[in-house]
Each structure stands twice: as C-alpha cells, then as structure tokens.
Amino acid sequence: MILKNAFQHKVLNTTTRVTYLVAFLFASAFITSCDDDDDNAFPSVSGKWAGDKTVLVINVEGVPTPINETDEDFAGKVEFKENGIAVYTEDGDVINGTWLQNQDKLTLTIPSSDDIDMSGVYTIQEINGSKLKLYIEKKTTIEDPDTGLEFEATIKATLYFDKD
C-alpha cells in the first residue's frame, strides 16, 4: 500500500508539473500573440518626397488605343506632415490638402489645380527609406485642351518619388 501511494504521489507530482508547464506555455503563447502588432505596420509616408517620374495610361471611352505618357522630369514635391496635412509644390505653385494612410492605402484630398485632380485613394506599391511609388486608377472626365470637348476616361497613374 505504501508503494502504491508513493507511486501515485510521484505520478500526481509529475502530472501536476506537466499541467503547469503546458499552462505556462499556453499563457506565454497567448501573451506573445496578443502583443502589439506594430511590427507588422506598414511604413508611414510622412516626410518630404521629391518627384522622380510619372507614368500615365489614359483610356478614353470610345477610343480603342490608350494614351501612354511618361514624364521623366516630374518635378512635383510633396510633404506629408504628421498632422495629416499634405503640401504639394510644383513650378512655384503650392497646394494644401489632407492625407490619411491605412496600411498600403493612401487617401489624398488635394484641391484640383488647373487640369490635374490628384485626389483619390492610392496604393503604395513601394516604400522604403529612399523611394516611394504610388499607384491610382480612377474614372474621371477630361477636357481636350485643343477643342474644349470633355470625355469620360479611366486614368492609371504611377508616381515615383525620392526622399527629399
């Protein structure tokens, strides 16, 4: 009987230790998995960026061939301030707007200047310490500068920036 009780006691102690160990491992895993997910956060676009180039594809409704344009001399600069203000400058013109980022989506609200409406939801295709690449696709109305006629079109734009 003493041997039976000693054996049961040893089994109970081992079982208790294993139970505590398993409970500790589960608790550790739970606490680690509930850690702040900031490690997986998408990098912020905040800061100053200088334009490098733009690539535009304009599909005018009813016209089978799209218009393709690449501007290797894109001189626009944008500053995404921490307070949600976006300041765009090009050729001496300054336009103030707002920005909001949610992971790889960048929502810009910038008043239209002349013929360019930069407002919309951009996809951040690349961002690192020195490069920013934004893409937008949107339906809009464009005006032919020669005739003044308006056309419905889909614009696909890719904007390339370098850290300023």
N, C-alpha and C. Protein backbone atom coordinates (compact mmCIF):
# COMPACT_ATOMS: atom_id res chain seq x y z
N MET A 1 0.83 -1.18 0.00
CA MET A 1 0.00 0.00 0.00
C MET A 1 0.87 1.24 0.00
N ILE A 2 1.95 1.21 0.74
CA ILE A 2 2.85 2.36 0.79
C ILE A 2 3.47 2.56 -0.58
N LEU A 3 3.88 1.47 -1.23
CA LEU A 3 4.45 1.60 -2.57
C LEU A 3 3.42 2.15 -3.54
N LYS A 4 2.19 1.72 -3.42
CA LYS A 4 1.14 2.20 -4.30
C LYS A 4 0.94 3.69 -4.09
N ASN A 5 0.88 4.16 -2.82
CA ASN A 5 0.70 5.58 -2.53
C ASN A 5 1.90 6.40 -2.99
N ALA A 6 3.11 5.89 -2.82
CA ALA A 6 4.31 6.60 -3.24
C ALA A 6 4.31 6.74 -4.77
N PHE A 7 3.91 5.66 -5.44
CA PHE A 7 3.86 5.70 -6.89
C PHE A 7 2.78 6.68 -7.35
N GLN A 8 1.61 6.67 -6.74
CA GLN A 8 0.55 7.59 -7.09
C GLN A 8 0.99 9.04 -6.83
N HIS A 9 1.69 9.26 -5.73
CA HIS A 9 2.18 10.58 -5.38
C HIS A 9 3.17 11.09 -6.44
N LYS A 10 4.07 10.19 -6.87
CA LYS A 10 5.06 10.55 -7.89
C LYS A 10 4.36 10.87 -9.21
N VAL A 11 3.36 10.08 -9.61
CA VAL A 11 2.61 10.30 -10.85
C VAL A 11 1.85 11.62 -10.75
N LEU A 12 1.23 11.87 -9.58
CA LEU A 12 0.49 13.13 -9.39
C LEU A 12 1.43 14.33 -9.49
N ASN A 13 2.60 14.26 -8.87
CA ASN A 13 3.57 15.35 -8.94
C ASN A 13 4.01 15.59 -10.38
N THR A 14 4.30 14.52 -11.09
CA THR A 14 4.72 14.65 -12.49
C THR A 14 3.59 15.23 -13.32
N THR A 15 2.38 14.74 -13.12
CA THR A 15 1.22 15.24 -13.86
C THR A 15 0.98 16.71 -13.54
N THR A 16 1.10 17.08 -12.28
CA THR A 16 0.92 18.47 -11.88
C THR A 16 1.97 19.35 -12.54
N ARG A 17 3.22 18.92 -12.54
CA ARG A 17 4.28 19.69 -13.18
C ARG A 17 4.02 19.86 -14.68
N VAL A 18 3.64 18.76 -15.33
CA VAL A 18 3.37 18.82 -16.77
C VAL A 18 2.18 19.75 -17.04
N THR A 19 1.15 19.66 -16.19
CA THR A 19 -0.02 20.53 -16.34
C THR A 19 0.40 21.99 -16.21
N TYR A 20 1.21 22.31 -15.19
CA TYR A 20 1.68 23.69 -15.02
C TYR A 20 2.55 24.12 -16.21
N LEU A 21 3.38 23.23 -16.70
CA LEU A 21 4.24 23.56 -17.83
C LEU A 21 3.40 23.86 -19.07
N VAL A 22 2.40 23.02 -19.35
CA VAL A 22 1.52 23.23 -20.50
C VAL A 22 0.75 24.53 -20.34
N ALA A 23 0.24 24.78 -19.13
CA ALA A 23 -0.49 26.03 -18.88
C ALA A 23 0.42 27.23 -19.09
N PHE A 24 1.67 27.13 -18.62
CA PHE A 24 2.62 28.23 -18.80
C PHE A 24 2.90 28.46 -20.28
N LEU A 25 3.08 27.38 -21.05
CA LEU A 25 3.35 27.52 -22.47
C LEU A 25 2.17 28.15 -23.21
N PHE A 26 0.95 27.73 -22.87
CA PHE A 26 -0.23 28.33 -23.49
C PHE A 26 -0.36 29.80 -23.13
N ALA A 27 -0.14 30.13 -21.88
CA ALA A 27 -0.22 31.53 -21.44
C ALA A 27 0.85 32.37 -22.14
N SER A 28 2.05 31.83 -22.25
CA SER A 28 3.13 32.55 -22.93
C SER A 28 2.79 32.78 -24.40
N ALA A 29 2.25 31.74 -25.05
CA ALA A 29 1.89 31.87 -26.46
C ALA A 29 0.77 32.89 -26.62
N PHE A 30 -0.20 32.89 -25.74
CA PHE A 30 -1.31 33.84 -25.80
C PHE A 30 -0.83 35.26 -25.60
N ILE A 31 0.01 35.48 -24.62
CA ILE A 31 0.52 36.83 -24.34
C ILE A 31 1.37 37.31 -25.51
N THR A 32 2.18 36.45 -26.07
CA THR A 32 3.02 36.83 -27.22
C THR A 32 2.16 37.14 -28.42
N SER A 33 1.11 36.35 -28.68
CA SER A 33 0.28 36.59 -29.85
C SER A 33 -0.58 37.83 -29.69
N CYS A 34 -0.84 38.26 -28.48
CA CYS A 34 -1.63 39.46 -28.25
C CYS A 34 -0.76 40.70 -28.17
N ASP A 35 0.53 40.55 -28.42
CA ASP A 35 1.44 41.68 -28.40
C ASP A 35 1.02 42.69 -29.46
N ASP A 36 1.43 43.93 -29.28
CA ASP A 36 1.13 44.98 -30.24
C ASP A 36 1.57 44.54 -31.62
N ASP A 37 0.75 44.74 -32.62
CA ASP A 37 1.07 44.34 -33.98
C ASP A 37 1.81 45.44 -34.73
N ASP A 38 2.44 46.38 -34.04
CA ASP A 38 3.17 47.46 -34.69
C ASP A 38 4.32 46.94 -35.53
N ASP A 39 4.84 45.74 -35.23
CA ASP A 39 5.93 45.19 -36.01
C ASP A 39 5.50 44.94 -37.45
N ASN A 40 4.20 44.67 -37.65
CA ASN A 40 3.68 44.40 -38.98
C ASN A 40 3.08 45.64 -39.63
N ALA A 41 3.18 46.78 -38.99
CA ALA A 41 2.60 48.00 -39.53
C ALA A 41 3.33 48.41 -40.80
N PHE A 42 2.57 48.95 -41.73
CA PHE A 42 3.13 49.43 -42.99
C PHE A 42 3.87 50.73 -42.72
N PRO A 43 5.03 50.95 -43.34
CA PRO A 43 5.77 52.20 -43.10
C PRO A 43 4.94 53.43 -43.47
N SER A 44 5.11 54.48 -42.73
CA SER A 44 4.38 55.73 -42.98
C SER A 44 5.02 56.51 -44.12
N VAL A 45 4.17 57.23 -44.87
CA VAL A 45 4.67 58.08 -45.95
C VAL A 45 5.09 59.45 -45.45
N SER A 46 4.90 59.72 -44.16
CA SER A 46 5.18 61.06 -43.65
C SER A 46 6.61 61.47 -43.98
N GLY A 47 6.75 62.74 -44.28
CA GLY A 47 8.06 63.29 -44.65
C GLY A 47 7.98 64.01 -45.97
N LYS A 48 9.14 64.39 -46.47
CA LYS A 48 9.23 65.14 -47.73
C LYS A 48 9.70 64.22 -48.86
N TRP A 49 9.00 64.30 -49.99
CA TRP A 49 9.30 63.46 -51.14
C TRP A 49 9.40 64.33 -52.39
N ALA A 50 10.40 64.08 -53.22
CA ALA A 50 10.61 64.81 -54.47
C ALA A 50 10.27 63.89 -55.64
N GLY A 51 9.48 64.41 -56.58
CA GLY A 51 9.08 63.63 -57.75
C GLY A 51 10.25 63.19 -58.59
N ASP A 52 10.18 61.96 -59.08
CA ASP A 52 11.22 61.40 -59.95
C ASP A 52 10.66 61.25 -61.36
N LYS A 53 9.50 60.54 -61.48
CA LYS A 53 8.85 60.39 -62.77
C LYS A 53 7.40 59.98 -62.57
N THR A 54 6.61 60.14 -63.63
CA THR A 54 5.22 59.67 -63.63
C THR A 54 4.98 58.85 -64.89
N VAL A 55 4.13 57.88 -64.77
CA VAL A 55 3.70 57.07 -65.91
C VAL A 55 2.18 57.12 -65.93
N LEU A 56 1.62 57.61 -67.03
CA LEU A 56 0.17 57.72 -67.18
C LEU A 56 -0.32 56.85 -68.32
N VAL A 57 -1.45 56.21 -68.10
CA VAL A 57 -2.16 55.49 -69.15
C VAL A 57 -3.59 56.02 -69.09
N ILE A 58 -4.03 56.65 -70.17
CA ILE A 58 -5.37 57.24 -70.21
C ILE A 58 -6.18 56.50 -71.26
N ASN A 59 -7.26 55.86 -70.81
CA ASN A 59 -8.17 55.16 -71.70
C ASN A 59 -9.42 56.02 -71.85
N VAL A 60 -9.58 56.64 -73.02
CA VAL A 60 -10.75 57.46 -73.30
C VAL A 60 -11.84 56.55 -73.82
N GLU A 61 -13.06 56.68 -73.25
CA GLU A 61 -14.17 55.84 -73.70
C GLU A 61 -14.43 56.06 -75.18
N GLY A 62 -14.54 54.97 -75.92
CA GLY A 62 -14.81 55.04 -77.34
C GLY A 62 -13.55 55.10 -78.20
N VAL A 63 -12.39 55.24 -77.58
CA VAL A 63 -11.13 55.28 -78.32
C VAL A 63 -10.38 53.99 -78.00
N PRO A 64 -10.09 53.17 -79.04
CA PRO A 64 -9.51 51.85 -78.77
C PRO A 64 -8.07 51.88 -78.26
N THR A 65 -7.29 52.89 -78.63
CA THR A 65 -5.88 52.93 -78.24
C THR A 65 -5.69 53.88 -77.07
N PRO A 66 -5.11 53.38 -75.96
CA PRO A 66 -4.89 54.27 -74.82
C PRO A 66 -3.76 55.27 -75.10
N ILE A 67 -3.79 56.35 -74.36
CA ILE A 67 -2.73 57.35 -74.42
C ILE A 67 -1.73 56.99 -73.33
N ASN A 68 -0.47 56.81 -73.71
CA ASN A 68 0.59 56.48 -72.75
C ASN A 68 1.55 57.66 -72.67
N GLU A 69 1.81 58.11 -71.46
CA GLU A 69 2.75 59.21 -71.26
C GLU A 69 3.66 58.88 -70.10
N THR A 70 4.94 59.17 -70.28
CA THR A 70 5.91 59.05 -69.20
C THR A 70 6.62 60.38 -69.08
N ASP A 71 6.64 60.91 -67.86
CA ASP A 71 7.32 62.17 -67.60
C ASP A 71 8.54 61.87 -66.74
N GLU A 72 9.70 61.82 -67.38
CA GLU A 72 10.94 61.54 -66.67
C GLU A 72 11.43 62.74 -65.86
N ASP A 73 10.81 63.91 -66.08
CA ASP A 73 11.22 65.14 -65.40
C ASP A 73 10.18 65.62 -64.41
N PHE A 74 9.44 64.71 -63.81
CA PHE A 74 8.41 65.06 -62.83
C PHE A 74 9.07 65.83 -61.69
N ALA A 75 8.69 67.09 -61.54
CA ALA A 75 9.35 67.96 -60.56
C ALA A 75 8.48 68.27 -59.35
N GLY A 76 7.34 67.62 -59.22
CA GLY A 76 6.47 67.87 -58.08
C GLY A 76 7.10 67.40 -56.79
N LYS A 77 6.84 68.14 -55.73
CA LYS A 77 7.30 67.75 -54.39
C LYS A 77 6.09 67.70 -53.47
N VAL A 78 6.11 66.75 -52.57
CA VAL A 78 5.02 66.65 -51.62
C VAL A 78 5.59 66.42 -50.23
N GLU A 79 4.97 67.08 -49.26
CA GLU A 79 5.33 66.86 -47.86
C GLU A 79 4.09 66.34 -47.16
N PHE A 80 4.21 65.15 -46.59
CA PHE A 80 3.14 64.57 -45.79
C PHE A 80 3.46 64.88 -44.34
N LYS A 81 2.78 65.87 -43.78
CA LYS A 81 3.05 66.29 -42.41
C LYS A 81 2.34 65.34 -41.44
N GLU A 82 2.90 65.24 -40.24
CA GLU A 82 2.36 64.33 -39.21
C GLU A 82 0.91 64.64 -38.85
N ASN A 83 0.49 65.89 -39.02
CA ASN A 83 -0.87 66.28 -38.62
C ASN A 83 -1.91 66.00 -39.71
N GLY A 84 -1.53 65.27 -40.77
CA GLY A 84 -2.47 64.92 -41.83
C GLY A 84 -2.58 65.94 -42.94
N ILE A 85 -1.73 66.95 -42.92
CA ILE A 85 -1.71 67.96 -43.98
C ILE A 85 -0.71 67.52 -45.06
N ALA A 86 -1.13 67.64 -46.31
CA ALA A 86 -0.25 67.36 -47.45
C ALA A 86 -0.01 68.68 -48.17
N VAL A 87 1.25 68.98 -48.43
CA VAL A 87 1.60 70.20 -49.14
C VAL A 87 2.30 69.79 -50.44
N TYR A 88 1.67 70.11 -51.57
CA TYR A 88 2.21 69.76 -52.88
C TYR A 88 2.72 71.03 -53.54
N THR A 89 3.95 71.00 -54.05
CA THR A 89 4.52 72.14 -54.76
C THR A 89 5.08 71.69 -56.09
N GLU A 90 4.84 72.53 -57.10
CA GLU A 90 5.41 72.28 -58.42
C GLU A 90 5.39 73.59 -59.20
N ASP A 91 6.51 73.92 -59.80
CA ASP A 91 6.65 75.15 -60.61
C ASP A 91 6.20 76.39 -59.84
N GLY A 92 6.51 76.46 -58.57
CA GLY A 92 6.16 77.63 -57.77
C GLY A 92 4.76 77.63 -57.20
N ASP A 93 3.90 76.71 -57.66
CA ASP A 93 2.54 76.61 -57.13
C ASP A 93 2.55 75.75 -55.88
N VAL A 94 1.78 76.18 -54.87
CA VAL A 94 1.67 75.43 -53.62
C VAL A 94 0.20 75.08 -53.41
N ILE A 95 -0.07 73.79 -53.21
CA ILE A 95 -1.44 73.33 -52.98
C ILE A 95 -1.47 72.57 -51.67
N ASN A 96 -2.37 72.95 -50.78
CA ASN A 96 -2.53 72.27 -49.49
C ASN A 96 -3.72 71.33 -49.55
N GLY A 97 -3.56 70.18 -48.95
CA GLY A 97 -4.63 69.20 -48.89
C GLY A 97 -4.47 68.35 -47.64
N THR A 98 -5.10 67.19 -47.64
CA THR A 98 -5.01 66.29 -46.49
C THR A 98 -4.62 64.90 -46.97
N TRP A 99 -4.11 64.11 -46.04
CA TRP A 99 -3.76 62.73 -46.32
C TRP A 99 -4.09 61.86 -45.13
N LEU A 100 -4.38 60.60 -45.43
CA LEU A 100 -4.67 59.60 -44.41
C LEU A 100 -4.17 58.27 -44.94
N GLN A 101 -3.40 57.57 -44.13
CA GLN A 101 -2.84 56.29 -44.56
C GLN A 101 -3.40 55.16 -43.72
N ASN A 102 -3.80 54.08 -44.41
CA ASN A 102 -4.23 52.85 -43.75
C ASN A 102 -3.48 51.70 -44.44
N GLN A 103 -2.40 51.26 -43.80
CA GLN A 103 -1.50 50.24 -44.36
C GLN A 103 -0.99 50.70 -45.72
N ASP A 104 -1.33 49.98 -46.81
CA ASP A 104 -0.81 50.35 -48.13
C ASP A 104 -1.76 51.24 -48.93
N LYS A 105 -2.77 51.79 -48.29
CA LYS A 105 -3.71 52.70 -48.95
C LYS A 105 -3.48 54.12 -48.44
N LEU A 106 -3.33 55.05 -49.37
CA LEU A 106 -3.09 56.44 -49.06
C LEU A 106 -4.21 57.26 -49.68
N THR A 107 -5.03 57.88 -48.84
CA THR A 107 -6.13 58.72 -49.32
C THR A 107 -5.67 60.16 -49.32
N LEU A 108 -5.66 60.75 -50.51
CA LEU A 108 -5.27 62.15 -50.66
C LEU A 108 -6.48 62.98 -51.05
N THR A 109 -6.64 64.09 -50.40
CA THR A 109 -7.66 65.07 -50.77
C THR A 109 -6.91 66.35 -51.05
N ILE A 110 -6.70 66.61 -52.33
CA ILE A 110 -5.96 67.80 -52.76
C ILE A 110 -6.82 68.53 -53.76
N PRO A 111 -7.13 69.81 -53.50
CA PRO A 111 -7.96 70.57 -54.45
C PRO A 111 -7.34 70.54 -55.84
N SER A 112 -8.20 70.49 -56.84
CA SER A 112 -7.76 70.41 -58.22
C SER A 112 -7.05 71.70 -58.62
N SER A 113 -5.93 71.54 -59.29
CA SER A 113 -5.22 72.69 -59.82
C SER A 113 -5.22 72.60 -61.34
N ASP A 114 -5.82 73.55 -61.98
CA ASP A 114 -5.92 73.57 -63.44
C ASP A 114 -6.50 72.26 -63.97
N ASP A 115 -5.67 71.41 -64.57
CA ASP A 115 -6.16 70.20 -65.22
C ASP A 115 -5.83 68.92 -64.47
N ILE A 116 -5.23 69.02 -63.29
CA ILE A 116 -4.81 67.82 -62.57
C ILE A 116 -5.60 67.69 -61.27
N ASP A 117 -6.32 66.57 -61.14
CA ASP A 117 -7.01 66.28 -59.88
C ASP A 117 -6.27 65.11 -59.24
N MET A 118 -5.53 65.40 -58.19
CA MET A 118 -4.70 64.37 -57.56
C MET A 118 -5.42 63.66 -56.42
N SER A 119 -6.65 64.04 -56.12
CA SER A 119 -7.38 63.41 -55.02
C SER A 119 -7.74 61.98 -55.37
N GLY A 120 -7.77 61.14 -54.36
CA GLY A 120 -8.17 59.76 -54.55
C GLY A 120 -7.46 58.83 -53.60
N VAL A 121 -7.71 57.54 -53.78
CA VAL A 121 -7.08 56.51 -52.95
C VAL A 121 -5.97 55.86 -53.77
N TYR A 122 -4.75 56.03 -53.29
CA TYR A 122 -3.57 55.49 -53.94
C TYR A 122 -3.16 54.20 -53.25
N THR A 123 -2.57 53.29 -54.02
CA THR A 123 -1.96 52.10 -53.45
C THR A 123 -0.46 52.36 -53.37
N ILE A 124 0.10 52.14 -52.19
CA ILE A 124 1.53 52.30 -52.01
C ILE A 124 2.18 51.01 -52.50
N GLN A 125 2.82 51.08 -53.66
CA GLN A 125 3.42 49.88 -54.24
C GLN A 125 4.84 49.65 -53.74
N GLU A 126 5.49 50.73 -53.31
CA GLU A 126 6.85 50.59 -52.77
C GLU A 126 7.08 51.75 -51.81
N ILE A 127 7.68 51.44 -50.68
CA ILE A 127 8.11 52.49 -49.75
C ILE A 127 9.28 51.94 -48.95
N ASN A 128 10.32 52.75 -48.89
CA ASN A 128 11.46 52.43 -48.05
C ASN A 128 12.11 53.75 -47.66
N GLY A 129 13.27 53.73 -47.12
CA GLY A 129 13.90 54.95 -46.65
C GLY A 129 14.22 55.97 -47.73
N SER A 130 14.22 55.53 -49.00
CA SER A 130 14.59 56.47 -50.06
C SER A 130 13.62 56.53 -51.23
N LYS A 131 12.69 55.60 -51.36
CA LYS A 131 11.79 55.53 -52.52
C LYS A 131 10.34 55.40 -52.09
N LEU A 132 9.47 56.03 -52.89
CA LEU A 132 8.02 55.92 -52.70
C LEU A 132 7.40 55.78 -54.08
N LYS A 133 6.55 54.77 -54.25
CA LYS A 133 5.88 54.54 -55.52
C LYS A 133 4.39 54.41 -55.24
N LEU A 134 3.60 55.32 -55.83
CA LEU A 134 2.16 55.35 -55.63
C LEU A 134 1.43 55.02 -56.92
N TYR A 135 0.30 54.32 -56.82
CA TYR A 135 -0.49 53.96 -58.00
C TYR A 135 -1.95 54.31 -57.73
N ILE A 136 -2.60 54.88 -58.75
CA ILE A 136 -4.03 55.16 -58.66
C ILE A 136 -4.68 54.84 -60.00
N GLU A 137 -5.89 54.35 -59.93
CA GLU A 137 -6.72 54.12 -61.11
C GLU A 137 -8.08 54.70 -60.80
N LYS A 138 -8.53 55.63 -61.66
CA LYS A 138 -9.83 56.24 -61.40
C LYS A 138 -10.50 56.69 -62.67
N LYS A 139 -11.82 56.70 -62.62
CA LYS A 139 -12.63 57.21 -63.73
C LYS A 139 -12.83 58.70 -63.49
N THR A 140 -12.74 59.45 -64.59
CA THR A 140 -12.86 60.90 -64.48
C THR A 140 -13.29 61.47 -65.83
N THR A 141 -13.56 62.75 -65.83
CA THR A 141 -13.86 63.47 -67.06
C THR A 141 -12.64 64.31 -67.40
N ILE A 142 -12.16 64.19 -68.63
CA ILE A 142 -11.01 65.00 -69.04
C ILE A 142 -11.44 65.91 -70.18
N GLU A 143 -10.74 67.04 -70.30
CA GLU A 143 -11.06 68.00 -71.34
C GLU A 143 -9.91 68.06 -72.34
N ASP A 144 -10.26 67.99 -73.61
CA ASP A 144 -9.26 68.14 -74.67
C ASP A 144 -8.84 69.61 -74.69
N PRO A 145 -7.55 69.89 -74.46
CA PRO A 145 -7.12 71.29 -74.40
C PRO A 145 -7.25 72.03 -75.72
N ASP A 146 -7.28 71.30 -76.85
CA ASP A 146 -7.39 71.94 -78.16
C ASP A 146 -8.83 72.30 -78.51
N THR A 147 -9.77 71.39 -78.20
CA THR A 147 -11.15 71.60 -78.62
C THR A 147 -12.07 72.03 -77.49
N GLY A 148 -11.67 71.77 -76.25
CA GLY A 148 -12.54 72.08 -75.12
C GLY A 148 -13.60 71.02 -74.88
N LEU A 149 -13.62 69.97 -75.69
CA LEU A 149 -14.60 68.89 -75.51
C LEU A 149 -14.21 68.03 -74.31
N GLU A 150 -15.22 67.52 -73.62
CA GLU A 150 -14.99 66.68 -72.45
C GLU A 150 -15.26 65.22 -72.80
N PHE A 151 -14.45 64.34 -72.23
CA PHE A 151 -14.56 62.91 -72.48
C PHE A 151 -14.47 62.15 -71.16
N GLU A 152 -15.19 61.04 -71.08
CA GLU A 152 -15.07 60.14 -69.94
C GLU A 152 -13.83 59.28 -70.17
N ALA A 153 -13.06 59.09 -69.12
CA ALA A 153 -11.81 58.34 -69.27
C ALA A 153 -11.46 57.63 -67.97
N THR A 154 -10.61 56.62 -68.11
CA THR A 154 -10.01 55.95 -66.96
C THR A 154 -8.53 56.29 -66.99
N ILE A 155 -8.06 56.80 -65.87
CA ILE A 155 -6.65 57.18 -65.76
C ILE A 155 -5.97 56.22 -64.80
N LYS A 156 -4.84 55.70 -65.25
CA LYS A 156 -3.98 54.87 -64.41
C LYS A 156 -2.67 55.64 -64.29
N ALA A 157 -2.31 56.00 -63.08
CA ALA A 157 -1.10 56.80 -62.88
C ALA A 157 -0.20 56.13 -61.85
N THR A 158 1.08 56.11 -62.15
CA THR A 158 2.09 55.65 -61.21
C THR A 158 3.04 56.81 -60.98
N LEU A 159 3.19 57.20 -59.71
CA LEU A 159 4.03 58.32 -59.34
C LEU A 159 5.25 57.80 -58.58
N TYR A 160 6.42 58.22 -58.99
CA TYR A 160 7.67 57.79 -58.37
C TYR A 160 8.28 58.98 -57.64
N PHE A 161 8.66 58.77 -56.39
CA PHE A 161 9.28 59.82 -55.57
C PHE A 161 10.57 59.32 -54.95
N ASP A 162 11.47 60.25 -54.71
CA ASP A 162 12.69 60.01 -53.93
C ASP A 162 12.56 60.79 -52.64
N LYS A 163 13.15 60.28 -51.57
CA LYS A 163 13.14 61.01 -50.29
C LYS A 163 13.84 62.34 -50.49
N ASP A 164 13.22 63.42 -50.02
CA ASP A 164 13.77 64.76 -50.21
C ASP A 164 14.56 65.17 -48.97
